[in-house]
Amino acid sequence: MSIFNLSENFKTLSNDFHTAFESSIEFYKLDFFGKFMKGAVSLVNLLVIGSAFLVFLLFISVAVAIVIGESLESMSAGYFIVAGFYFLVFLFLLIFGKPIITKKVLTKYSKVVFNEDSQKQVLDDEFKKLVD
């Protein structure tokens, strides 16, 4: 009778293991979907807000260029000055912006994907790569 009992226990153990494995797979699918959707929603928000800001920046830039052009009595000079300012901003970001942008993006999205301990490890590894 103990052999049958042992066989039944192995079947129960196998079924329990299979159920736990399936539950674990479903949990990770749901966890991945939640994290993916947080990232997707953040991206959409960034695109919408960024687009509105770019339209605002365009109108402000044209207005500033017109004001500068009128004060210098040369409209083209006003546009060139504004364009030069944006070119300097572009060069500054090109030279110094990569570590700053990488730090902000990694910090924001690692909070979504990792828990606190693994987040610190990932950020430390990435910052070491940037510094070296």
C-alpha atoms as a PDB file:
ATOM      1  CA  MET A   1       0.000   0.000   0.000  1.00  0.00           C
ATOM      2  CA  SER A   2       2.907   2.380   0.602  1.00  0.00           C
ATOM      3  CA  ILE A   3       4.058   1.993  -3.044  1.00  0.00           C
ATOM      4  CA  PHE A   4       0.671   3.215  -4.286  1.00  0.00           C
ATOM      5  CA  ASN A   5       0.733   6.009  -1.747  1.00  0.00           C
ATOM      6  CA  LEU A   6       4.215   7.016  -2.915  1.00  0.00           C
ATOM      7  CA  SER A   7       3.078   6.944  -6.539  1.00  0.00           C
ATOM      8  CA  GLU A   8       0.105   9.146  -5.733  1.00  0.00           C
ATOM      9  CA  ASN A   9       2.361  11.595  -3.876  1.00  0.00           C
ATOM     10  CA  PHE A  10       4.650  11.835  -6.925  1.00  0.00           C
ATOM     11  CA  LYS A  11       1.637  12.492  -9.170  1.00  0.00           C
ATOM     12  CA  THR A  12       0.380  15.155  -6.776  1.00  0.00           C
ATOM     13  CA  LEU A  13       3.852  16.677  -6.565  1.00  0.00           C
ATOM     14  CA  SER A  14       4.133  16.684 -10.351  1.00  0.00           C
ATOM     15  CA  ASN A  15       0.721  18.314 -10.721  1.00  0.00           C
ATOM     16  CA  ASP A  16       1.527  20.901  -8.055  1.00  0.00           C
ATOM     17  CA  PHE A  17       4.861  21.691  -9.733  1.00  0.00           C
ATOM     18  CA  HIS A  18       3.144  22.052 -13.112  1.00  0.00           C
ATOM     19  CA  THR A  19       0.488  24.344 -11.616  1.00  0.00           C
ATOM     20  CA  ALA A  20       3.123  26.486  -9.881  1.00  0.00           C
ATOM     21  CA  PHE A  21       5.156  26.678 -13.091  1.00  0.00           C
ATOM     22  CA  GLU A  22       2.114  27.761 -15.118  1.00  0.00           C
ATOM     23  CA  SER A  23       1.194  30.347 -12.481  1.00  0.00           C
ATOM     24  CA  SER A  24       4.751  31.676 -12.511  1.00  0.00           C
ATOM     25  CA  ILE A  25       4.695  31.995 -16.310  1.00  0.00           C
ATOM     26  CA  GLU A  26       1.381  33.860 -16.169  1.00  0.00           C
ATOM     27  CA  PHE A  27       2.730  36.165 -13.462  1.00  0.00           C
ATOM     28  CA  TYR A  28       5.803  37.062 -15.526  1.00  0.00           C
ATOM     29  CA  LYS A  29       3.656  37.630 -18.617  1.00  0.00           C
ATOM     30  CA  LEU A  30       1.445  40.012 -16.654  1.00  0.00           C
ATOM     31  CA  ASP A  31       4.466  41.705 -15.055  1.00  0.00           C
ATOM     32  CA  PHE A  32       6.093  42.205 -18.464  1.00  0.00           C
ATOM     33  CA  PHE A  33       2.864  43.583 -19.921  1.00  0.00           C
ATOM     34  CA  GLY A  34       2.494  46.060 -17.041  1.00  0.00           C
ATOM     35  CA  LYS A  35       6.064  47.292 -17.381  1.00  0.00           C
ATOM     36  CA  PHE A  36       5.807  47.468 -21.168  1.00  0.00           C
ATOM     37  CA  MET A  37       2.602  49.499 -20.962  1.00  0.00           C
ATOM     38  CA  LYS A  38       4.139  51.924 -18.454  1.00  0.00           C
ATOM     39  CA  GLY A  39       6.977  52.500 -20.892  1.00  0.00           C
ATOM     40  CA  ALA A  40       4.609  52.872 -23.850  1.00  0.00           C
ATOM     41  CA  VAL A  41       2.404  55.351 -21.985  1.00  0.00           C
ATOM     42  CA  SER A  42       5.476  57.353 -20.950  1.00  0.00           C
ATOM     43  CA  LEU A  43       6.651  57.425 -24.564  1.00  0.00           C
ATOM     44  CA  VAL A  44       3.270  58.623 -25.836  1.00  0.00           C
ATOM     45  CA  ASN A  45       3.121  61.310 -23.144  1.00  0.00           C
ATOM     46  CA  LEU A  46       6.622  62.437 -24.051  1.00  0.00           C
ATOM     47  CA  LEU A  47       5.723  62.657 -27.743  1.00  0.00           C
ATOM     48  CA  VAL A  48       2.507  64.614 -27.152  1.00  0.00           C
ATOM     49  CA  ILE A  49       4.000  67.044 -24.641  1.00  0.00           C
ATOM     50  CA  GLY A  50       7.207  67.349 -26.674  1.00  0.00           C
ATOM     51  CA  SER A  51       5.270  68.140 -29.840  1.00  0.00           C
ATOM     52  CA  ALA A  52       3.266  70.856 -28.107  1.00  0.00           C
ATOM     53  CA  PHE A  53       6.466  72.325 -26.667  1.00  0.00           C
ATOM     54  CA  LEU A  54       8.146  72.336 -30.086  1.00  0.00           C
ATOM     55  CA  VAL A  55       5.227  74.268 -31.598  1.00  0.00           C
ATOM     56  CA  PHE A  56       5.465  76.759 -28.727  1.00  0.00           C
ATOM     57  CA  LEU A  57       9.236  77.028 -29.205  1.00  0.00           C
ATOM     58  CA  LEU A  58       8.805  77.619 -32.935  1.00  0.00           C
ATOM     59  CA  PHE A  59       6.467  80.569 -32.422  1.00  0.00           C
ATOM     60  CA  ILE A  60       8.612  82.057 -29.651  1.00  0.00           C
ATOM     61  CA  SER A  61      11.722  81.699 -31.822  1.00  0.00           C
ATOM     62  CA  VAL A  62      10.101  83.453 -34.752  1.00  0.00           C
ATOM     63  CA  ALA A  63       8.877  86.240 -32.474  1.00  0.00           C
ATOM     64  CA  VAL A  64      12.334  86.693 -30.911  1.00  0.00           C
ATOM     65  CA  ALA A  65      13.950  86.671 -34.360  1.00  0.00           C
ATOM     66  CA  ILE A  66      11.535  89.383 -35.549  1.00  0.00           C
ATOM     67  CA  VAL A  67      12.195  91.531 -32.461  1.00  0.00           C
ATOM     68  CA  ILE A  68      15.972  91.186 -32.866  1.00  0.00           C
ATOM     69  CA  GLY A  69      15.702  91.823 -36.605  1.00  0.00           C
ATOM     70  CA  GLU A  70      13.668  94.995 -36.093  1.00  0.00           C
ATOM     71  CA  SER A  71      16.066  96.302 -33.469  1.00  0.00           C
ATOM     72  CA  LEU A  72      19.043  95.678 -35.790  1.00  0.00           C
ATOM     73  CA  GLU A  73      17.056  96.896 -38.809  1.00  0.00           C
ATOM     74  CA  SER A  74      17.837  93.636 -40.604  1.00  0.00           C
ATOM     75  CA  MET A  75      15.311  90.809 -40.420  1.00  0.00           C
ATOM     76  CA  SER A  76      17.790  88.250 -41.695  1.00  0.00           C
ATOM     77  CA  ALA A  77      20.255  89.143 -38.913  1.00  0.00           C
ATOM     78  CA  GLY A  78      17.575  88.383 -36.317  1.00  0.00           C
ATOM     79  CA  TYR A  79      16.930  84.956 -37.830  1.00  0.00           C
ATOM     80  CA  PHE A  80      20.655  84.228 -38.058  1.00  0.00           C
ATOM     81  CA  ILE A  81      21.189  85.183 -34.417  1.00  0.00           C
ATOM     82  CA  VAL A  82      18.366  82.885 -33.268  1.00  0.00           C
ATOM     83  CA  ALA A  83      19.698  80.093 -35.507  1.00  0.00           C
ATOM     84  CA  GLY A  84      23.184  80.622 -34.075  1.00  0.00           C
ATOM     85  CA  PHE A  85      21.808  80.329 -30.544  1.00  0.00           C
ATOM     86  CA  TYR A  86      20.135  77.019 -31.406  1.00  0.00           C
ATOM     87  CA  PHE A  87      23.330  75.815 -33.055  1.00  0.00           C
ATOM     88  CA  LEU A  88      25.278  76.577 -29.857  1.00  0.00           C
ATOM     89  CA  VAL A  89      22.677  74.688 -27.815  1.00  0.00           C
ATOM     90  CA  PHE A  90      22.992  71.776 -30.257  1.00  0.00           C
ATOM     91  CA  LEU A  91      26.803  71.733 -29.942  1.00  0.00           C
ATOM     92  CA  PHE A  92      26.564  71.900 -26.147  1.00  0.00           C
ATOM     93  CA  LEU A  93      24.177  68.935 -26.093  1.00  0.00           C
ATOM     94  CA  LEU A  94      26.309  67.035 -28.578  1.00  0.00           C
ATOM     95  CA  ILE A  95      29.441  67.461 -26.470  1.00  0.00           C
ATOM     96  CA  PHE A  96      28.102  67.330 -22.902  1.00  0.00           C
ATOM     97  CA  GLY A  97      24.561  65.982 -23.176  1.00  0.00           C
ATOM     98  CA  LYS A  98      25.035  62.224 -23.558  1.00  0.00           C
ATOM     99  CA  PRO A  99      25.882  61.421 -19.904  1.00  0.00           C
ATOM    100  CA  ILE A 100      23.136  63.714 -18.604  1.00  0.00           C
ATOM    101  CA  ILE A 101      20.465  62.294 -20.892  1.00  0.00           C
ATOM    102  CA  THR A 102      21.586  58.708 -20.279  1.00  0.00           C
ATOM    103  CA  LYS A 103      21.474  59.227 -16.506  1.00  0.00           C
ATOM    104  CA  LYS A 104      17.955  60.665 -16.580  1.00  0.00           C
ATOM    105  CA  VAL A 105      16.564  57.990 -18.911  1.00  0.00           C
ATOM    106  CA  LEU A 106      18.179  55.107 -17.041  1.00  0.00           C
ATOM    107  CA  THR A 107      17.009  56.420 -13.689  1.00  0.00           C
ATOM    108  CA  LYS A 108      13.421  56.882 -14.858  1.00  0.00           C
ATOM    109  CA  TYR A 109      12.960  53.602 -16.696  1.00  0.00           C
ATOM    110  CA  SER A 110      14.947  51.422 -14.316  1.00  0.00           C
ATOM    111  CA  LYS A 111      12.385  52.294 -11.629  1.00  0.00           C
ATOM    112  CA  VAL A 112       9.743  50.746 -13.879  1.00  0.00           C
ATOM    113  CA  VAL A 113      11.656  47.579 -14.753  1.00  0.00           C
ATOM    114  CA  PHE A 114      13.793  46.689 -11.727  1.00  0.00           C
ATOM    115  CA  ASN A 115      13.389  46.537  -7.986  1.00  0.00           C
ATOM    116  CA  GLU A 116      15.536  48.884  -5.893  1.00  0.00           C
ATOM    117  CA  ASP A 117      18.573  46.597  -5.398  1.00  0.00           C
ATOM    118  CA  SER A 118      18.888  45.528  -9.018  1.00  0.00           C
ATOM    119  CA  GLN A 119      18.191  49.134 -10.098  1.00  0.00           C
ATOM    120  CA  LYS A 120      21.248  50.361  -8.169  1.00  0.00           C
ATOM    121  CA  GLN A 121      23.392  47.627  -9.720  1.00  0.00           C
ATOM    122  CA  VAL A 122      22.273  48.450 -13.275  1.00  0.00           C
ATOM    123  CA  LEU A 123      22.738  52.190 -12.786  1.00  0.00           C
ATOM    124  CA  ASP A 124      26.182  51.739 -11.212  1.00  0.00           C
ATOM    125  CA  ASP A 125      27.331  49.503 -14.093  1.00  0.00           C
ATOM    126  CA  GLU A 126      26.059  51.930 -16.742  1.00  0.00           C
ATOM    127  CA  PHE A 127      27.594  54.976 -15.054  1.00  0.00           C
ATOM    128  CA  LYS A 128      30.938  53.163 -14.805  1.00  0.00           C
ATOM    129  CA  LYS A 129      30.794  52.650 -18.584  1.00  0.00           C
ATOM    130  CA  LEU A 130      30.073  56.353 -19.123  1.00  0.00           C
ATOM    131  CA  VAL A 131      32.927  57.511 -16.910  1.00  0.00           C
ATOM    132  CA  ASP A 132      35.524  55.136 -18.410  1.00  0.00           C
END
